[in-house]
Amino acid sequence: MFDVSAEGANLGFNVSNFLLVVSALAVAGFTYLSIQFANIKEKFSDERIAANEAETKRAVADSDTAKEGAARANERIAELSTQAEGLKRDAARFDAQAREAEFKLEQLRKASQPRMLDRNFSKALAGIKPAAAKIVFVKDTSDAFPLAIEIFIALREAGWLVTDMPSPIMDSEAMFPNIPMSAANSVGASAAGISVVARNIDNNPTVEAMTQAFAANFGSAHSGRDDRLPEGFLRIVIAPRP
């Protein structure tokens, strides 16, 4: 096989054994290093995994905190929304109360002022066929006499036959003297406001037109019946404010 001497063979054997031992030691050393590096690599890998797990836990915790914060924010938003709705209802109620108070104040203001005819009343009279009439009022009514004079003048100017000056209602004029009732009721009129009284008020265009004219001026007016009155004659009765 190899043409070597005994000394060469011995030397080769010894060298081979030496190299074999060196190789074995090298393999063992590299195996040890490989194992150590594998352990170090695994350690770093475990640390990275642990760090990732910790980061994941923190992210989950942060997410839970964010969810809790969002839930609290939603609750606060709902609470504020409820408060806002309550404030809107309160504002609407206060606004309605303010309008009601303003309306009542206007009514009181009007009630404190004497009743007067407006210019539309004369226009309304122009469309009504003139008739004979008398104006009476409930005495001790503060604005009754001035208003009666205004109506008296307006009727005279419109061509109505109004010869008697306005006068307070007398007890002797009562339809039923023995029955207690207000002065206006006793002559067929409403106890409050302006009334147009006639012998016949059914299908009576003059009574209807005069009642509408007074209603347009004062907001309301009434009609009444007194069988003692002559046919075609009107009694205009001024009672206290409604």
C-alpha atoms as a PDB file:
ATOM      1  CA  MET A   1       0.000   0.000   0.000  1.00  0.00           C
ATOM      2  CA  PHE A   2       2.493   2.702   1.168  1.00  0.00           C
ATOM      3  CA  ASP A   3       6.156   2.106   0.601  1.00  0.00           C
ATOM      4  CA  VAL A   4       7.495   3.416   3.920  1.00  0.00           C
ATOM      5  CA  SER A   5      10.002   2.185   6.422  1.00  0.00           C
ATOM      6  CA  ALA A   6       9.180   0.959   9.914  1.00  0.00           C
ATOM      7  CA  GLU A   7      10.274   4.232  11.377  1.00  0.00           C
ATOM      8  CA  GLY A   8       8.165   6.150   8.883  1.00  0.00           C
ATOM      9  CA  ALA A   9       5.168   3.946   9.617  1.00  0.00           C
ATOM     10  CA  ASN A  10       5.640   4.431  13.332  1.00  0.00           C
ATOM     11  CA  LEU A  11       5.958   8.166  12.823  1.00  0.00           C
ATOM     12  CA  GLY A  12       2.914   8.238  10.600  1.00  0.00           C
ATOM     13  CA  PHE A  13       0.946   6.238  13.121  1.00  0.00           C
ATOM     14  CA  ASN A  14       1.921   8.550  15.905  1.00  0.00           C
ATOM     15  CA  VAL A  15       1.116  11.639  13.803  1.00  0.00           C
ATOM     16  CA  SER A  16      -2.197  10.151  12.746  1.00  0.00           C
ATOM     17  CA  ASN A  17      -3.103   9.376  16.326  1.00  0.00           C
ATOM     18  CA  PHE A  18      -2.070  12.868  17.343  1.00  0.00           C
ATOM     19  CA  LEU A  19      -4.147  14.440  14.582  1.00  0.00           C
ATOM     20  CA  LEU A  20      -7.043  12.145  15.503  1.00  0.00           C
ATOM     21  CA  VAL A  21      -6.836  13.288  19.134  1.00  0.00           C
ATOM     22  CA  VAL A  22      -6.528  16.909  18.038  1.00  0.00           C
ATOM     23  CA  SER A  23      -9.489  16.441  15.725  1.00  0.00           C
ATOM     24  CA  ALA A  24     -11.500  14.817  18.509  1.00  0.00           C
ATOM     25  CA  LEU A  25     -10.594  17.659  20.858  1.00  0.00           C
ATOM     26  CA  ALA A  26     -11.486  20.158  18.146  1.00  0.00           C
ATOM     27  CA  VAL A  27     -14.822  18.414  17.575  1.00  0.00           C
ATOM     28  CA  ALA A  28     -15.449  18.352  21.302  1.00  0.00           C
ATOM     29  CA  GLY A  29     -14.451  22.006  21.585  1.00  0.00           C
ATOM     30  CA  PHE A  30     -16.583  23.093  18.692  1.00  0.00           C
ATOM     31  CA  THR A  31     -19.460  20.939  19.978  1.00  0.00           C
ATOM     32  CA  TYR A  32     -19.101  22.628  23.375  1.00  0.00           C
ATOM     33  CA  LEU A  33     -18.985  26.060  21.744  1.00  0.00           C
ATOM     34  CA  SER A  34     -21.974  25.187  19.600  1.00  0.00           C
ATOM     35  CA  ILE A  35     -23.909  24.104  22.670  1.00  0.00           C
ATOM     36  CA  GLN A  36     -22.903  27.281  24.545  1.00  0.00           C
ATOM     37  CA  PHE A  37     -23.784  29.521  21.636  1.00  0.00           C
ATOM     38  CA  ALA A  38     -27.085  27.651  21.269  1.00  0.00           C
ATOM     39  CA  ASN A  39     -27.792  28.274  24.964  1.00  0.00           C
ATOM     40  CA  ILE A  40     -26.856  31.942  24.579  1.00  0.00           C
ATOM     41  CA  LYS A  41     -29.035  32.195  21.492  1.00  0.00           C
ATOM     42  CA  GLU A  42     -31.906  30.513  23.337  1.00  0.00           C
ATOM     43  CA  LYS A  43     -31.393  32.892  26.261  1.00  0.00           C
ATOM     44  CA  PHE A  44     -31.608  35.901  23.965  1.00  0.00           C
ATOM     45  CA  SER A  45     -34.610  34.314  22.266  1.00  0.00           C
ATOM     46  CA  ASP A  46     -36.284  33.760  25.654  1.00  0.00           C
ATOM     47  CA  GLU A  47     -35.514  37.357  26.603  1.00  0.00           C
ATOM     48  CA  ARG A  48     -37.022  38.582  23.347  1.00  0.00           C
ATOM     49  CA  ILE A  49     -40.071  36.378  23.860  1.00  0.00           C
ATOM     50  CA  ALA A  50     -40.399  37.610  27.442  1.00  0.00           C
ATOM     51  CA  ALA A  51     -39.995  41.191  26.253  1.00  0.00           C
ATOM     52  CA  ASN A  52     -42.607  40.635  23.554  1.00  0.00           C
ATOM     53  CA  GLU A  53     -44.948  39.018  26.069  1.00  0.00           C
ATOM     54  CA  ALA A  54     -44.408  41.908  28.473  1.00  0.00           C
ATOM     55  CA  GLU A  55     -45.015  44.383  25.654  1.00  0.00           C
ATOM     56  CA  THR A  56     -48.125  42.454  24.672  1.00  0.00           C
ATOM     57  CA  LYS A  57     -49.373  42.533  28.264  1.00  0.00           C
ATOM     58  CA  ARG A  58     -48.688  46.260  28.437  1.00  0.00           C
ATOM     59  CA  ALA A  59     -50.510  46.741  25.140  1.00  0.00           C
ATOM     60  CA  VAL A  60     -53.442  44.692  26.448  1.00  0.00           C
ATOM     61  CA  ALA A  61     -53.389  46.644  29.692  1.00  0.00           C
ATOM     62  CA  ASP A  62     -53.217  49.903  27.761  1.00  0.00           C
ATOM     63  CA  SER A  63     -56.066  48.687  25.562  1.00  0.00           C
ATOM     64  CA  ASP A  64     -58.146  47.796  28.635  1.00  0.00           C
ATOM     65  CA  THR A  65     -57.320  51.185  30.136  1.00  0.00           C
ATOM     66  CA  ALA A  66     -58.289  52.855  26.886  1.00  0.00           C
ATOM     67  CA  LYS A  67     -61.528  50.861  26.809  1.00  0.00           C
ATOM     68  CA  GLU A  68     -62.277  51.861  30.385  1.00  0.00           C
ATOM     69  CA  GLY A  69     -61.482  55.465  29.530  1.00  0.00           C
ATOM     70  CA  ALA A  70     -63.708  55.279  26.463  1.00  0.00           C
ATOM     71  CA  ALA A  71     -66.483  53.716  28.546  1.00  0.00           C
ATOM     72  CA  ARG A  72     -66.181  56.486  31.141  1.00  0.00           C
ATOM     73  CA  ALA A  73     -66.095  59.062  28.353  1.00  0.00           C
ATOM     74  CA  ASN A  74     -69.240  57.555  26.819  1.00  0.00           C
ATOM     75  CA  GLU A  75     -70.932  57.593  30.213  1.00  0.00           C
ATOM     76  CA  ARG A  76     -69.940  61.231  30.653  1.00  0.00           C
ATOM     77  CA  ILE A  77     -71.167  62.046  27.158  1.00  0.00           C
ATOM     78  CA  ALA A  78     -74.486  60.335  27.912  1.00  0.00           C
ATOM     79  CA  GLU A  79     -74.709  62.229  31.209  1.00  0.00           C
ATOM     80  CA  LEU A  80     -73.955  65.554  29.514  1.00  0.00           C
ATOM     81  CA  SER A  81     -76.434  64.727  26.759  1.00  0.00           C
ATOM     82  CA  THR A  82     -79.105  64.054  29.371  1.00  0.00           C
ATOM     83  CA  GLN A  83     -78.241  67.318  31.116  1.00  0.00           C
ATOM     84  CA  ALA A  84     -78.393  69.145  27.776  1.00  0.00           C
ATOM     85  CA  GLU A  85     -81.829  67.700  27.061  1.00  0.00           C
ATOM     86  CA  GLY A  86     -82.935  68.742  30.532  1.00  0.00           C
ATOM     87  CA  LEU A  87     -81.619  72.256  29.945  1.00  0.00           C
ATOM     88  CA  LYS A  88     -83.435  72.389  26.613  1.00  0.00           C
ATOM     89  CA  ARG A  89     -86.684  71.339  28.297  1.00  0.00           C
ATOM     90  CA  ASP A  90     -86.103  73.909  31.041  1.00  0.00           C
ATOM     91  CA  ALA A  91     -85.383  76.590  28.448  1.00  0.00           C
ATOM     92  CA  ALA A  92     -88.540  75.683  26.528  1.00  0.00           C
ATOM     93  CA  ARG A  93     -90.554  75.743  29.760  1.00  0.00           C
ATOM     94  CA  PHE A  94     -89.075  79.086  30.789  1.00  0.00           C
ATOM     95  CA  ASP A  95     -89.745  80.450  27.318  1.00  0.00           C
ATOM     96  CA  ALA A  96     -93.366  79.291  27.507  1.00  0.00           C
ATOM     97  CA  GLN A  97     -93.692  80.803  30.975  1.00  0.00           C
ATOM     98  CA  ALA A  98     -92.178  84.056  29.715  1.00  0.00           C
ATOM     99  CA  ARG A  99     -94.636  84.167  26.806  1.00  0.00           C
ATOM    100  CA  GLU A 100     -97.515  83.401  29.151  1.00  0.00           C
ATOM    101  CA  ALA A 101     -96.363  86.109  31.566  1.00  0.00           C
ATOM    102  CA  GLU A 102     -96.028  88.560  28.678  1.00  0.00           C
ATOM    103  CA  PHE A 103     -99.523  87.653  27.470  1.00  0.00           C
ATOM    104  CA  LYS A 104    -100.986  88.131  30.954  1.00  0.00           C
ATOM    105  CA  LEU A 105     -99.115  91.405  31.305  1.00  0.00           C
ATOM    106  CA  GLU A 106    -100.578  92.587  28.024  1.00  0.00           C
ATOM    107  CA  GLN A 107    -104.036  91.560  29.202  1.00  0.00           C
ATOM    108  CA  LEU A 108    -103.539  93.481  32.440  1.00  0.00           C
ATOM    109  CA  ARG A 109    -102.273  96.453  30.466  1.00  0.00           C
ATOM    110  CA  LYS A 110    -105.330  96.372  28.252  1.00  0.00           C
ATOM    111  CA  ALA A 111    -107.602  95.843  31.249  1.00  0.00           C
ATOM    112  CA  SER A 112    -106.127  98.897  32.936  1.00  0.00           C
ATOM    113  CA  GLN A 113    -106.888 101.072  29.915  1.00  0.00           C
ATOM    114  CA  PRO A 114    -110.389 102.380  29.171  1.00  0.00           C
ATOM    115  CA  ARG A 115    -112.253 100.651  26.353  1.00  0.00           C
ATOM    116  CA  MET A 116    -112.359 102.727  23.193  1.00  0.00           C
ATOM    117  CA  LEU A 117    -113.678 102.363  19.668  1.00  0.00           C
ATOM    118  CA  ASP A 118    -111.154 101.917  16.902  1.00  0.00           C
ATOM    119  CA  ARG A 119    -111.438 103.312  13.375  1.00  0.00           C
ATOM    120  CA  ASN A 120    -112.609  99.939  12.059  1.00  0.00           C
ATOM    121  CA  PHE A 121    -115.858 100.258  14.001  1.00  0.00           C
ATOM    122  CA  SER A 122    -117.000 103.209  11.872  1.00  0.00           C
ATOM    123  CA  LYS A 123    -116.078 101.242   8.737  1.00  0.00           C
ATOM    124  CA  ALA A 124    -118.179  98.331   9.997  1.00  0.00           C
ATOM    125  CA  LEU A 125    -121.126 100.658  10.637  1.00  0.00           C
ATOM    126  CA  ALA A 126    -121.002 101.789   6.998  1.00  0.00           C
ATOM    127  CA  GLY A 127    -122.109  98.329   5.948  1.00  0.00           C
ATOM    128  CA  ILE A 128    -125.030  98.104   8.396  1.00  0.00           C
ATOM    129  CA  LYS A 129    -128.475  99.505   7.645  1.00  0.00           C
ATOM    130  CA  PRO A 130    -129.138 102.268  10.235  1.00  0.00           C
ATOM    131  CA  ALA A 131    -131.845 101.650  12.804  1.00  0.00           C
ATOM    132  CA  ALA A 132    -133.188 103.195  16.006  1.00  0.00           C
ATOM    133  CA  ALA A 133    -131.137 102.461  19.110  1.00  0.00           C
ATOM    134  CA  LYS A 134    -130.575 103.425  22.722  1.00  0.00           C
ATOM    135  CA  ILE A 135    -127.333 103.067  24.690  1.00  0.00           C
ATOM    136  CA  VAL A 136    -127.390 102.134  28.370  1.00  0.00           C
ATOM    137  CA  PHE A 137    -124.617 101.117  30.730  1.00  0.00           C
ATOM    138  CA  VAL A 138    -124.073  99.605  34.147  1.00  0.00           C
ATOM    139  CA  LYS A 139    -123.450 102.433  36.567  1.00  0.00           C
ATOM    140  CA  ASP A 140    -120.249 102.510  38.613  1.00  0.00           C
ATOM    141  CA  THR A 141    -118.373 101.000  35.640  1.00  0.00           C
ATOM    142  CA  SER A 142    -115.369 103.296  35.248  1.00  0.00           C
ATOM    143  CA  ASP A 143    -115.090 103.390  31.451  1.00  0.00           C
ATOM    144  CA  ALA A 144    -118.763 102.784  30.601  1.00  0.00           C
ATOM    145  CA  PHE A 145    -119.950 106.370  30.191  1.00  0.00           C
ATOM    146  CA  PRO A 146    -117.017 107.578  27.982  1.00  0.00           C
ATOM    147  CA  LEU A 147    -117.433 104.487  25.803  1.00  0.00           C
ATOM    148  CA  ALA A 148    -121.202 105.022  25.610  1.00  0.00           C
ATOM    149  CA  ILE A 149    -120.602 108.578  24.381  1.00  0.00           C
ATOM    150  CA  GLU A 150    -118.183 107.291  21.716  1.00  0.00           C
ATOM    151  CA  ILE A 151    -120.731 104.747  20.497  1.00  0.00           C
ATOM    152  CA  PHE A 152    -123.474 107.411  20.572  1.00  0.00           C
ATOM    153  CA  ILE A 153    -121.421 109.755  18.360  1.00  0.00           C
ATOM    154  CA  ALA A 154    -120.407 106.957  15.970  1.00  0.00           C
ATOM    155  CA  LEU A 155    -124.028 105.847  15.518  1.00  0.00           C
ATOM    156  CA  ARG A 156    -125.261 109.407  14.984  1.00  0.00           C
ATOM    157  CA  GLU A 157    -122.568 110.016  12.379  1.00  0.00           C
ATOM    158  CA  ALA A 158    -123.555 106.791  10.609  1.00  0.00           C
ATOM    159  CA  GLY A 159    -127.167 107.957  10.325  1.00  0.00           C
ATOM    160  CA  TRP A 160    -128.679 105.918  13.162  1.00  0.00           C
ATOM    161  CA  LEU A 161    -131.712 107.232  15.017  1.00  0.00           C
ATOM    162  CA  VAL A 162    -130.260 107.733  18.490  1.00  0.00           C
ATOM    163  CA  THR A 163    -132.145 110.530  20.221  1.00  0.00           C
ATOM    164  CA  ASP A 164    -131.616 109.745  23.888  1.00  0.00           C
ATOM    165  CA  MET A 165    -128.264 110.339  25.498  1.00  0.00           C
ATOM    166  CA  PRO A 166    -126.582 107.248  27.027  1.00  0.00           C
ATOM    167  CA  SER A 167    -127.859 106.574  30.540  1.00  0.00           C
ATOM    168  CA  PRO A 168    -127.249 104.088  33.382  1.00  0.00           C
ATOM    169  CA  ILE A 169    -129.581 101.111  33.680  1.00  0.00           C
ATOM    170  CA  MET A 170    -132.418 101.882  36.072  1.00  0.00           C
ATOM    171  CA  ASP A 171    -134.128  99.348  38.329  1.00  0.00           C
ATOM    172  CA  SER A 172    -137.403 100.273  36.712  1.00  0.00           C
ATOM    173  CA  GLU A 173    -136.133  98.933  33.381  1.00  0.00           C
ATOM    174  CA  ALA A 174    -135.679  95.385  34.678  1.00  0.00           C
ATOM    175  CA  MET A 175    -137.647  92.698  32.836  1.00  0.00           C
ATOM    176  CA  PHE A 176    -138.163  90.722  36.060  1.00  0.00           C
ATOM    177  CA  PRO A 177    -137.970  93.139  38.991  1.00  0.00           C
ATOM    178  CA  ASN A 178    -138.590  90.454  41.596  1.00  0.00           C
ATOM    179  CA  ILE A 179    -135.746  88.175  40.467  1.00  0.00           C
ATOM    180  CA  PRO A 180    -132.251  89.097  41.755  1.00  0.00           C
ATOM    181  CA  MET A 181    -129.820  89.472  38.850  1.00  0.00           C
ATOM    182  CA  SER A 182    -127.161  91.823  37.551  1.00  0.00           C
ATOM    183  CA  ALA A 183    -128.217  95.143  36.053  1.00  0.00           C
ATOM    184  CA  ALA A 184    -127.123  94.032  32.558  1.00  0.00           C
ATOM    185  CA  ASN A 185    -128.951  90.707  32.839  1.00  0.00           C
ATOM    186  CA  SER A 186    -132.087  92.506  33.960  1.00  0.00           C
ATOM    187  CA  VAL A 187    -132.384  94.176  30.535  1.00  0.00           C
ATOM    188  CA  GLY A 188    -131.563  91.064  28.467  1.00  0.00           C
ATOM    189  CA  ALA A 189    -127.820  91.606  28.136  1.00  0.00           C
ATOM    190  CA  SER A 190    -124.725  89.673  29.213  1.00  0.00           C
ATOM    191  CA  ALA A 191    -123.366  90.500  32.671  1.00  0.00           C
ATOM    192  CA  ALA A 192    -120.011  91.466  31.115  1.00  0.00           C
ATOM    193  CA  GLY A 193    -118.873  93.121  27.915  1.00  0.00           C
ATOM    194  CA  ILE A 194    -120.944  94.689  25.153  1.00  0.00           C
ATOM    195  CA  SER A 195    -124.389  93.331  24.219  1.00  0.00           C
ATOM    196  CA  VAL A 196    -126.850  94.068  21.443  1.00  0.00           C
ATOM    197  CA  VAL A 197    -130.421  93.462  22.636  1.00  0.00           C
ATOM    198  CA  ALA A 198    -133.509  93.310  20.399  1.00  0.00           C
ATOM    199  CA  ARG A 199    -137.065  92.002  20.382  1.00  0.00           C
ATOM    200  CA  ASN A 200    -136.105  89.338  17.861  1.00  0.00           C
ATOM    201  CA  ILE A 201    -132.485  88.197  17.454  1.00  0.00           C
ATOM    202  CA  ASP A 202    -133.086  85.096  15.317  1.00  0.00           C
ATOM    203  CA  ASN A 203    -132.085  85.716  11.695  1.00  0.00           C
ATOM    204  CA  ASN A 204    -131.767  89.405  12.468  1.00  0.00           C
ATOM    205  CA  PRO A 205    -129.029  90.785  10.155  1.00  0.00           C
ATOM    206  CA  THR A 206    -128.775  94.092  12.016  1.00  0.00           C
ATOM    207  CA  VAL A 207    -128.226  92.424  15.392  1.00  0.00           C
ATOM    208  CA  GLU A 208    -125.745  89.994  13.865  1.00  0.00           C
ATOM    209  CA  ALA A 209    -123.785  92.726  12.058  1.00  0.00           C
ATOM    210  CA  MET A 210    -123.655  94.988  15.126  1.00  0.00           C
ATOM    211  CA  THR A 211    -122.543  92.107  17.344  1.00  0.00           C
ATOM    212  CA  GLN A 212    -119.751  91.263  14.891  1.00  0.00           C
ATOM    213  CA  ALA A 213    -118.705  94.921  14.708  1.00  0.00           C
ATOM    214  CA  PHE A 214    -118.391  95.139  18.507  1.00  0.00           C
ATOM    215  CA  ALA A 215    -116.629  91.766  18.652  1.00  0.00           C
ATOM    216  CA  ALA A 216    -114.065  92.946  16.097  1.00  0.00           C
ATOM    217  CA  ASN A 217    -113.426  96.016  18.236  1.00  0.00           C
ATOM    218  CA  PHE A 218    -113.411  94.492  21.725  1.00  0.00           C
ATOM    219  CA  GLY A 219    -112.630  90.821  21.113  1.00  0.00           C
ATOM    220  CA  SER A 220    -116.095  89.606  22.055  1.00  0.00           C
ATOM    221  CA  ALA A 221    -119.694  90.754  22.079  1.00  0.00           C
ATOM    222  CA  HIS A 222    -123.097  89.267  22.885  1.00  0.00           C
ATOM    223  CA  SER A 223    -126.684  89.426  21.745  1.00  0.00           C
ATOM    224  CA  GLY A 224    -129.792  89.280  23.933  1.00  0.00           C
ATOM    225  CA  ARG A 225    -133.570  89.344  23.768  1.00  0.00           C
ATOM    226  CA  ASP A 226    -136.130  91.677  25.349  1.00  0.00           C
ATOM    227  CA  ASP A 227    -139.706  91.171  24.142  1.00  0.00           C
ATOM    228  CA  ARG A 228    -140.689  94.618  25.413  1.00  0.00           C
ATOM    229  CA  LEU A 229    -138.620  96.399  22.763  1.00  0.00           C
ATOM    230  CA  PRO A 230    -140.282  97.674  19.560  1.00  0.00           C
ATOM    231  CA  GLU A 231    -139.609  95.715  16.405  1.00  0.00           C
ATOM    232  CA  GLY A 232    -136.409  96.944  14.704  1.00  0.00           C
ATOM    233  CA  PHE A 233    -135.192  98.797  17.806  1.00  0.00           C
ATOM    234  CA  LEU A 234    -131.807  97.968  19.387  1.00  0.00           C
ATOM    235  CA  ARG A 235    -130.610  98.426  22.927  1.00  0.00           C
ATOM    236  CA  ILE A 236    -126.819  98.555  23.252  1.00  0.00           C
ATOM    237  CA  VAL A 237    -125.744  97.607  26.752  1.00  0.00           C
ATOM    238  CA  ILE A 238    -122.288  98.364  28.155  1.00  0.00           C
ATOM    239  CA  ALA A 239    -121.430  96.111  31.126  1.00  0.00           C
ATOM    240  CA  PRO A 240    -118.125  95.798  33.021  1.00  0.00           C
ATOM    241  CA  ARG A 241    -115.145  94.183  31.291  1.00  0.00           C
ATOM    242  CA  PRO A 242    -115.330  90.411  30.803  1.00  0.00           C
END
